[in-house]
Amino acid sequence: MIGDRWGVSDEEIVRTFPCDEFVTSPTLRAWRGVSVEAPTEAVWPWVAQVRLAPYSYDWIDNLGRRSPRELRQLPEPRVGEAFTAAGGHKLGRIVSVAPGSELTGAIMGAFMSYVLVPRDRGTSRLLLKLVMRTSRWLAAGLSLGDLVMARRQLLNFKLLAERHQP
C-alpha cells in the first residue's frame, strides 16, 4: 500500500508489535521509524507525554495549541487512561504499556504501538506501527495521511529527546 512504510527496515516490519494483538486481519498496516541519538530512557518520557498532545503538526491536529516542549514529569501511563489529547480534549485510550519500552493506544478504530529499541552507544530506535480494519479505499487515504502526521510526530520526539538528554 502506498505510504505504509517510512524509516523502517524489512527486519523491523516483520517483528511483532503489541497492536497486532488487538486487530485481526487488518486492512491497514503502517510502519514508521526513526533513529534517535539518545538512549531509550531519554526518549520514553516524550513518548509517554503523547497523553498531553499529539506532537505532530499542532496547527492541524491540536487546533493551533503548541505541544509541550518541556517534560511535565507525568506518572507512568496506565491501561485505561486517555491515550492522547488534541485541542484540549482527551482522545482514545491506552490499551497496553510496558514502561520505558512500549505504549499502545486505540483511537478512532485504529491501534498504534510505539516501541523503543535500544541501540549501541546510547542511541535508540523509535518505531510506530498502526493497524486498523476499514475499507481498502479508506485505508489507502489513512495511510498517506498518517505518513505525514506520524513522520512529523516521530521527528519531534527525536528532536526533543536529543535536546533534553539528562
C-alpha atoms as a PDB file:
ATOM      1  CA  MET A   1       0.000   0.000   0.000  1.00  0.00           C
ATOM      2  CA  ILE A   2       1.272   3.488  -0.777  1.00  0.00           C
ATOM      3  CA  GLY A   3       2.587   5.263   2.301  1.00  0.00           C
ATOM      4  CA  ASP A   4       2.682   2.193   4.522  1.00  0.00           C
ATOM      5  CA  ARG A   5       6.395   2.472   5.372  1.00  0.00           C
ATOM      6  CA  TRP A   6       8.712   5.253   6.377  1.00  0.00           C
ATOM      7  CA  GLY A   7      12.072   4.921   8.063  1.00  0.00           C
ATOM      8  CA  VAL A   8      11.821   1.203   8.836  1.00  0.00           C
ATOM      9  CA  SER A   9      13.818  -1.803   7.718  1.00  0.00           C
ATOM     10  CA  ASP A  10      12.437  -5.110   6.492  1.00  0.00           C
ATOM     11  CA  GLU A  11      13.509  -6.651   9.816  1.00  0.00           C
ATOM     12  CA  GLU A  12      11.542  -4.056  11.756  1.00  0.00           C
ATOM     13  CA  ILE A  13       8.296  -4.599   9.885  1.00  0.00           C
ATOM     14  CA  VAL A  14       8.290  -8.369  10.395  1.00  0.00           C
ATOM     15  CA  ARG A  15       8.611  -8.075  14.164  1.00  0.00           C
ATOM     16  CA  THR A  16       5.517  -8.440  16.319  1.00  0.00           C
ATOM     17  CA  PHE A  17       4.112  -5.231  17.773  1.00  0.00           C
ATOM     18  CA  PRO A  18       1.647  -5.086  20.691  1.00  0.00           C
ATOM     19  CA  CYS A  19      -1.055  -3.530  18.463  1.00  0.00           C
ATOM     20  CA  ASP A  20      -1.117  -6.768  16.440  1.00  0.00           C
ATOM     21  CA  GLU A  21      -2.950  -8.433  19.337  1.00  0.00           C
ATOM     22  CA  PHE A  22      -5.923  -6.082  19.031  1.00  0.00           C
ATOM     23  CA  VAL A  23      -6.791  -6.263  15.317  1.00  0.00           C
ATOM     24  CA  THR A  24      -7.135  -9.500  13.416  1.00  0.00           C
ATOM     25  CA  SER A  25      -6.704  -9.291   9.647  1.00  0.00           C
ATOM     26  CA  PRO A  26      -6.139  -5.520   9.474  1.00  0.00           C
ATOM     27  CA  THR A  27      -6.706  -3.810   6.135  1.00  0.00           C
ATOM     28  CA  LEU A  28      -4.363  -1.010   7.175  1.00  0.00           C
ATOM     29  CA  ARG A  29      -0.842  -1.695   8.389  1.00  0.00           C
ATOM     30  CA  ALA A  30       1.614   1.176   8.536  1.00  0.00           C
ATOM     31  CA  TRP A  31       5.131   1.235   9.981  1.00  0.00           C
ATOM     32  CA  ARG A  32       7.183   4.299  10.887  1.00  0.00           C
ATOM     33  CA  GLY A  33      10.601   4.572  12.466  1.00  0.00           C
ATOM     34  CA  VAL A  34      13.336   6.999  13.393  1.00  0.00           C
ATOM     35  CA  SER A  35      16.830   6.670  14.841  1.00  0.00           C
ATOM     36  CA  VAL A  36      17.434   8.790  17.913  1.00  0.00           C
ATOM     37  CA  GLU A  37      20.818   9.944  19.173  1.00  0.00           C
ATOM     38  CA  ALA A  38      19.703   9.401  22.754  1.00  0.00           C
ATOM     39  CA  PRO A  39      19.130   6.347  24.955  1.00  0.00           C
ATOM     40  CA  THR A  40      15.649   4.908  25.347  1.00  0.00           C
ATOM     41  CA  GLU A  41      15.474   6.416  28.859  1.00  0.00           C
ATOM     42  CA  ALA A  42      15.617   9.882  27.296  1.00  0.00           C
ATOM     43  CA  VAL A  43      13.066   9.078  24.569  1.00  0.00           C
ATOM     44  CA  TRP A  44      10.455   7.315  26.695  1.00  0.00           C
ATOM     45  CA  PRO A  45       9.228  10.363  28.673  1.00  0.00           C
ATOM     46  CA  TRP A  46       8.440  12.154  25.392  1.00  0.00           C
ATOM     47  CA  VAL A  47       6.534   9.177  24.016  1.00  0.00           C
ATOM     48  CA  ALA A  48       4.635   8.868  27.307  1.00  0.00           C
ATOM     49  CA  GLN A  49       3.823  12.572  27.091  1.00  0.00           C
ATOM     50  CA  VAL A  50       1.717  11.932  23.949  1.00  0.00           C
ATOM     51  CA  ARG A  51      -1.067  11.799  26.559  1.00  0.00           C
ATOM     52  CA  LEU A  52      -0.921  15.613  26.656  1.00  0.00           C
ATOM     53  CA  ALA A  53      -0.733  16.476  22.958  1.00  0.00           C
ATOM     54  CA  PRO A  54      -0.225  14.927  19.522  1.00  0.00           C
ATOM     55  CA  TYR A  55       3.291  16.342  18.869  1.00  0.00           C
ATOM     56  CA  SER A  56       2.630  16.464  15.140  1.00  0.00           C
ATOM     57  CA  TYR A  57       1.506  19.494  13.144  1.00  0.00           C
ATOM     58  CA  ASP A  58      -0.095  21.398  16.003  1.00  0.00           C
ATOM     59  CA  TRP A  59      -1.891  23.820  13.702  1.00  0.00           C
ATOM     60  CA  ILE A  60      -3.792  20.846  12.238  1.00  0.00           C
ATOM     61  CA  ASP A  61      -4.294  18.267  14.944  1.00  0.00           C
ATOM     62  CA  ASN A  62      -4.054  20.379  18.091  1.00  0.00           C
ATOM     63  CA  LEU A  63      -6.153  23.360  16.983  1.00  0.00           C
ATOM     64  CA  GLY A  64      -3.073  25.570  16.941  1.00  0.00           C
ATOM     65  CA  ARG A  65      -2.049  24.816  20.527  1.00  0.00           C
ATOM     66  CA  ARG A  66       1.663  24.047  20.794  1.00  0.00           C
ATOM     67  CA  SER A  67       2.557  20.607  22.120  1.00  0.00           C
ATOM     68  CA  PRO A  68       4.692  20.987  25.269  1.00  0.00           C
ATOM     69  CA  ARG A  69       8.405  21.404  24.618  1.00  0.00           C
ATOM     70  CA  GLU A  70       9.431  20.530  28.149  1.00  0.00           C
ATOM     71  CA  LEU A  71       8.775  17.392  30.147  1.00  0.00           C
ATOM     72  CA  ARG A  72       5.894  17.600  32.598  1.00  0.00           C
ATOM     73  CA  GLN A  73       7.009  14.818  34.983  1.00  0.00           C
ATOM     74  CA  LEU A  74       3.883  12.744  34.362  1.00  0.00           C
ATOM     75  CA  PRO A  75       3.350   9.458  36.178  1.00  0.00           C
ATOM     76  CA  GLU A  76       3.853   6.359  34.052  1.00  0.00           C
ATOM     77  CA  PRO A  77       0.952   5.714  31.670  1.00  0.00           C
ATOM     78  CA  ARG A  78      -1.615   3.103  32.680  1.00  0.00           C
ATOM     79  CA  VAL A  79      -4.025   0.939  30.713  1.00  0.00           C
ATOM     80  CA  GLY A  80      -7.419   2.631  30.543  1.00  0.00           C
ATOM     81  CA  GLU A  81      -6.110   6.200  30.638  1.00  0.00           C
ATOM     82  CA  ALA A  82      -6.694   8.623  27.783  1.00  0.00           C
ATOM     83  CA  PHE A  83      -4.197   7.939  25.005  1.00  0.00           C
ATOM     84  CA  THR A  84      -3.711  11.490  23.757  1.00  0.00           C
ATOM     85  CA  ALA A  85      -5.295  14.918  23.689  1.00  0.00           C
ATOM     86  CA  ALA A  86      -5.985  17.374  20.905  1.00  0.00           C
ATOM     87  CA  GLY A  87      -7.385  20.852  21.207  1.00  0.00           C
ATOM     88  CA  GLY A  88      -7.725  20.339  24.950  1.00  0.00           C
ATOM     89  CA  HIS A  89      -9.885  17.199  24.585  1.00  0.00           C
ATOM     90  CA  LYS A  90      -8.797  13.743  25.713  1.00  0.00           C
ATOM     91  CA  LEU A  91      -8.927  11.141  22.967  1.00  0.00           C
ATOM     92  CA  GLY A  92      -8.648   7.359  22.769  1.00  0.00           C
ATOM     93  CA  ARG A  93      -7.397   5.056  25.461  1.00  0.00           C
ATOM     94  CA  ILE A  94      -4.202   3.257  26.389  1.00  0.00           C
ATOM     95  CA  VAL A  95      -4.616  -0.490  25.850  1.00  0.00           C
ATOM     96  CA  SER A  96      -1.109  -1.760  26.610  1.00  0.00           C
ATOM     97  CA  VAL A  97       2.005  -0.346  28.237  1.00  0.00           C
ATOM     98  CA  ALA A  98       5.440  -1.572  29.262  1.00  0.00           C
ATOM     99  CA  PRO A  99       7.016   1.496  30.907  1.00  0.00           C
ATOM    100  CA  GLY A 100      10.232   2.510  29.219  1.00  0.00           C
ATOM    101  CA  SER A 101       9.715   0.390  26.132  1.00  0.00           C
ATOM    102  CA  GLU A 102       6.170   0.260  24.710  1.00  0.00           C
ATOM    103  CA  LEU A 103       2.942   2.249  24.603  1.00  0.00           C
ATOM    104  CA  THR A 104      -0.124   1.136  22.662  1.00  0.00           C
ATOM    105  CA  GLY A 105      -3.250   3.188  22.242  1.00  0.00           C
ATOM    106  CA  ALA A 106      -6.583   2.934  20.490  1.00  0.00           C
ATOM    107  CA  ILE A 107      -8.159   5.929  18.798  1.00  0.00           C
ATOM    108  CA  MET A 108     -10.982   6.141  16.260  1.00  0.00           C
ATOM    109  CA  GLY A 109     -10.815   2.415  15.489  1.00  0.00           C
ATOM    110  CA  ALA A 110      -7.041   2.376  14.962  1.00  0.00           C
ATOM    111  CA  PHE A 111      -4.498   0.772  17.274  1.00  0.00           C
ATOM    112  CA  MET A 112      -0.956   2.072  17.370  1.00  0.00           C
ATOM    113  CA  SER A 113       2.141   0.888  19.189  1.00  0.00           C
ATOM    114  CA  TYR A 114       5.219   2.942  19.954  1.00  0.00           C
ATOM    115  CA  VAL A 115       8.178   0.662  20.615  1.00  0.00           C
ATOM    116  CA  LEU A 116      11.620   1.742  21.809  1.00  0.00           C
ATOM    117  CA  VAL A 117      14.596  -0.381  20.809  1.00  0.00           C
ATOM    118  CA  PRO A 118      17.949   0.301  22.473  1.00  0.00           C
ATOM    119  CA  ARG A 119      20.981   0.528  20.185  1.00  0.00           C
ATOM    120  CA  ASP A 120      24.670   0.763  20.891  1.00  0.00           C
ATOM    121  CA  ARG A 121      26.480   3.869  22.138  1.00  0.00           C
ATOM    122  CA  GLY A 122      23.432   5.377  23.821  1.00  0.00           C
ATOM    123  CA  THR A 123      21.243   5.534  20.728  1.00  0.00           C
ATOM    124  CA  SER A 124      17.828   4.045  20.073  1.00  0.00           C
ATOM    125  CA  ARG A 125      15.161   3.357  17.507  1.00  0.00           C
ATOM    126  CA  LEU A 126      11.635   4.656  17.946  1.00  0.00           C
ATOM    127  CA  LEU A 127       9.196   2.507  15.990  1.00  0.00           C
ATOM    128  CA  LEU A 128       5.495   3.050  15.426  1.00  0.00           C
ATOM    129  CA  LYS A 129       3.015   0.630  13.924  1.00  0.00           C
ATOM    130  CA  LEU A 130      -0.612   1.431  13.125  1.00  0.00           C
ATOM    131  CA  VAL A 131      -3.237  -1.231  12.405  1.00  0.00           C
ATOM    132  CA  MET A 132      -6.930  -0.917  11.593  1.00  0.00           C
ATOM    133  CA  ARG A 133      -9.808  -2.730   9.904  1.00  0.00           C
ATOM    134  CA  THR A 134     -11.508  -0.478   7.380  1.00  0.00           C
ATOM    135  CA  SER A 135     -12.313  -0.371   3.681  1.00  0.00           C
ATOM    136  CA  ARG A 136      -9.340  -0.649   1.326  1.00  0.00           C
ATOM    137  CA  TRP A 137     -10.011   2.812  -0.125  1.00  0.00           C
ATOM    138  CA  LEU A 138     -10.163   4.449   3.266  1.00  0.00           C
ATOM    139  CA  ALA A 139      -7.076   2.502   4.358  1.00  0.00           C
ATOM    140  CA  ALA A 140      -5.108   3.963   1.439  1.00  0.00           C
ATOM    141  CA  GLY A 141      -6.103   7.525   2.349  1.00  0.00           C
ATOM    142  CA  LEU A 142      -5.470   6.995   6.048  1.00  0.00           C
ATOM    143  CA  SER A 143      -2.050   5.513   5.336  1.00  0.00           C
ATOM    144  CA  LEU A 144      -0.984   8.598   3.401  1.00  0.00           C
ATOM    145  CA  GLY A 145      -2.392  10.993   5.986  1.00  0.00           C
ATOM    146  CA  ASP A 146      -0.770   9.071   8.805  1.00  0.00           C
ATOM    147  CA  LEU A 147       2.539   9.090   6.953  1.00  0.00           C
ATOM    148  CA  VAL A 148       2.616  12.884   7.025  1.00  0.00           C
ATOM    149  CA  MET A 149       1.419  13.275  10.611  1.00  0.00           C
ATOM    150  CA  ALA A 150       3.311  10.351  12.194  1.00  0.00           C
ATOM    151  CA  ARG A 151       6.536  11.341  10.466  1.00  0.00           C
ATOM    152  CA  ARG A 152       6.324  14.819  11.996  1.00  0.00           C
ATOM    153  CA  GLN A 153       5.447  13.345  15.400  1.00  0.00           C
ATOM    154  CA  LEU A 154       8.396  10.936  15.453  1.00  0.00           C
ATOM    155  CA  LEU A 155      10.784  13.633  14.259  1.00  0.00           C
ATOM    156  CA  ASN A 156       9.520  15.926  17.032  1.00  0.00           C
ATOM    157  CA  PHE A 157      10.057  13.195  19.658  1.00  0.00           C
ATOM    158  CA  LYS A 158      13.564  12.635  18.242  1.00  0.00           C
ATOM    159  CA  LEU A 159      14.433  16.324  18.363  1.00  0.00           C
ATOM    160  CA  LEU A 160      13.092  16.784  21.888  1.00  0.00           C
ATOM    161  CA  ALA A 161      14.818  13.672  23.264  1.00  0.00           C
ATOM    162  CA  GLU A 162      18.141  14.626  21.683  1.00  0.00           C
ATOM    163  CA  ARG A 163      17.950  18.202  23.008  1.00  0.00           C
ATOM    164  CA  HIS A 164      16.851  17.349  26.538  1.00  0.00           C
ATOM    165  CA  GLN A 165      19.025  14.408  27.483  1.00  0.00           C
ATOM    166  CA  PRO A 166      19.688  14.126  31.220  1.00  0.00           C
END
